[in-house]
Amino acid sequence: MPDSAGLPIRMLHDRILVQPGRESGERKSRAGIVIPATAAVGRRLGWGEVVAAGPHVRQVSLGDMILFDPEDRAEVEFEGSAYTLLRERDVHAIGQQAGDESTGLYL
């Protein structure tokens, strides 16, 4: 598995580098009600795209959209872009593309 997508970094062990999704501070409910960023909510997980992976990563591939806990992360910046560094065990789920017939998790 290649370990990076054009980044000047080589990941080690079971580490993955994720580009977090762009989440705005405010969210909208299905009914259209605006929920401010300061509203108290339970633990909220975030989505991100895997852009680099170490040689011991087994279940995550480059380009996968993963679900992770933003509280359990280390942030790093390369060439003006922010990334999140995780261990593979910190990934809660991998999103599956619609129409992908391989077995996996449907989110």
Protein backbone atom coordinates (compact mmCIF):
# COMPACT_ATOMS: atom_id res chain seq x y z
CA MET A 1 0.00 0.00 0.00
CA PRO A 2 1.44 3.41 -0.88
CA ASP A 3 1.89 5.47 2.25
CA SER A 4 1.11 8.98 0.99
CA ALA A 5 -0.66 10.82 -1.77
CA GLY A 6 1.98 13.35 -2.79
CA LEU A 7 2.76 14.51 0.75
CA PRO A 8 6.34 14.95 1.99
CA ILE A 9 5.84 12.39 4.75
CA ARG A 10 6.20 8.64 5.28
CA MET A 11 3.85 7.20 7.86
CA LEU A 12 5.11 4.58 10.33
CA HIS A 13 3.53 1.53 11.98
CA ASP A 14 -0.30 1.67 12.20
CA ARG A 15 -0.63 5.44 11.85
CA ILE A 16 -2.92 7.12 9.34
CA LEU A 17 -3.09 10.73 8.24
CA VAL A 18 -6.58 12.12 7.65
CA GLN A 19 -7.79 15.29 6.01
CA PRO A 20 -10.80 16.23 8.15
CA GLY A 21 -14.09 17.05 6.47
CA ARG A 22 -15.11 20.66 6.32
CA GLU A 23 -17.70 20.99 9.05
CA SER A 24 -19.20 24.35 9.76
CA GLY A 25 -19.68 25.53 13.31
CA GLU A 26 -23.43 25.77 12.88
CA ARG A 27 -25.51 22.78 11.83
CA LYS A 28 -29.08 22.37 10.67
CA SER A 29 -31.54 19.77 11.85
CA ARG A 30 -33.63 17.85 9.31
CA ALA A 31 -36.47 20.27 10.03
CA GLY A 32 -34.23 23.22 9.13
CA ILE A 33 -33.62 24.50 12.65
CA VAL A 34 -30.17 26.09 13.01
CA ILE A 35 -28.12 24.59 15.86
CA PRO A 36 -25.36 27.01 16.96
CA ALA A 37 -21.79 25.81 17.42
CA THR A 38 -22.00 26.63 21.13
CA ALA A 39 -24.95 24.27 21.74
CA ALA A 40 -24.18 21.46 24.17
CA VAL A 41 -24.33 18.13 22.36
CA GLY A 42 -23.09 14.65 23.15
CA ARG A 43 -19.85 13.33 21.79
CA ARG A 44 -19.87 14.06 18.06
CA LEU A 45 -17.76 12.03 15.64
CA GLY A 46 -16.25 13.52 12.48
CA TRP A 47 -15.58 12.35 8.92
CA GLY A 48 -12.29 12.61 7.09
CA GLU A 49 -10.41 11.26 4.07
CA VAL A 50 -7.33 9.05 4.48
CA VAL A 51 -4.39 10.68 2.66
CA ALA A 52 -1.50 8.58 4.03
CA ALA A 53 -1.13 5.25 5.84
CA GLY A 54 1.68 3.36 7.52
CA PRO A 55 2.89 -0.09 6.45
CA HIS A 56 1.01 -1.94 9.23
CA VAL A 57 -2.41 -0.47 8.41
CA ARG A 58 -4.63 -3.36 7.29
CA GLN A 59 -8.23 -2.24 6.91
CA VAL A 60 -8.01 1.37 5.74
CA SER A 61 -6.92 2.44 2.24
CA LEU A 62 -5.94 5.77 0.74
CA GLY A 63 -9.03 7.74 -0.23
CA ASP A 64 -11.35 6.02 2.29
CA MET A 65 -13.79 8.22 4.19
CA ILE A 66 -13.50 7.31 7.85
CA LEU A 67 -15.42 8.15 11.02
CA PHE A 68 -13.29 9.14 14.02
CA ASP A 69 -13.54 10.95 17.34
CA PRO A 70 -12.18 14.50 16.96
CA GLU A 71 -11.30 14.55 20.67
CA ASP A 72 -8.78 11.68 20.29
CA ARG A 73 -6.47 13.23 17.74
CA ALA A 74 -3.20 14.95 17.06
CA GLU A 75 -3.18 17.74 14.48
CA VAL A 76 -0.37 18.55 12.07
CA GLU A 77 -0.01 21.05 9.23
CA PHE A 78 1.67 20.48 5.86
CA GLU A 79 1.97 23.12 3.16
CA GLY A 80 -0.85 25.20 4.66
CA SER A 81 -3.35 22.34 5.09
CA ALA A 82 -4.43 20.88 8.43
CA TYR A 83 -4.40 17.09 8.90
CA THR A 84 -5.27 14.72 11.74
CA LEU A 85 -2.95 11.92 12.84
CA LEU A 86 -4.64 8.74 14.17
CA ARG A 87 -3.90 5.13 14.93
CA GLU A 88 -5.87 2.63 12.90
CA ARG A 89 -7.57 1.39 16.09
CA ASP A 90 -9.03 4.92 16.61
CA VAL A 91 -11.12 4.62 13.43
CA HIS A 92 -14.76 3.85 14.27
CA ALA A 93 -16.04 3.10 10.75
CA ILE A 94 -15.20 3.25 7.05
CA GLY A 95 -17.82 4.72 4.73
CA GLN A 96 -18.76 2.67 1.70
CA GLN A 97 -19.55 4.16 -1.69
CA ALA A 98 -23.08 3.65 -3.00
CA GLY A 99 -23.14 0.79 -5.47
CA ASP A 100 -19.99 -0.85 -4.05
CA GLU A 101 -20.85 -4.53 -3.90
CA SER A 102 -18.03 -5.61 -1.59
CA THR A 103 -18.96 -6.49 1.94
CA GLY A 104 -18.50 -3.77 4.47
CA LEU A 105 -20.12 -1.18 6.64
CA TYR A 106 -23.01 0.82 5.20
CA LEU A 107 -23.36 4.31 6.66
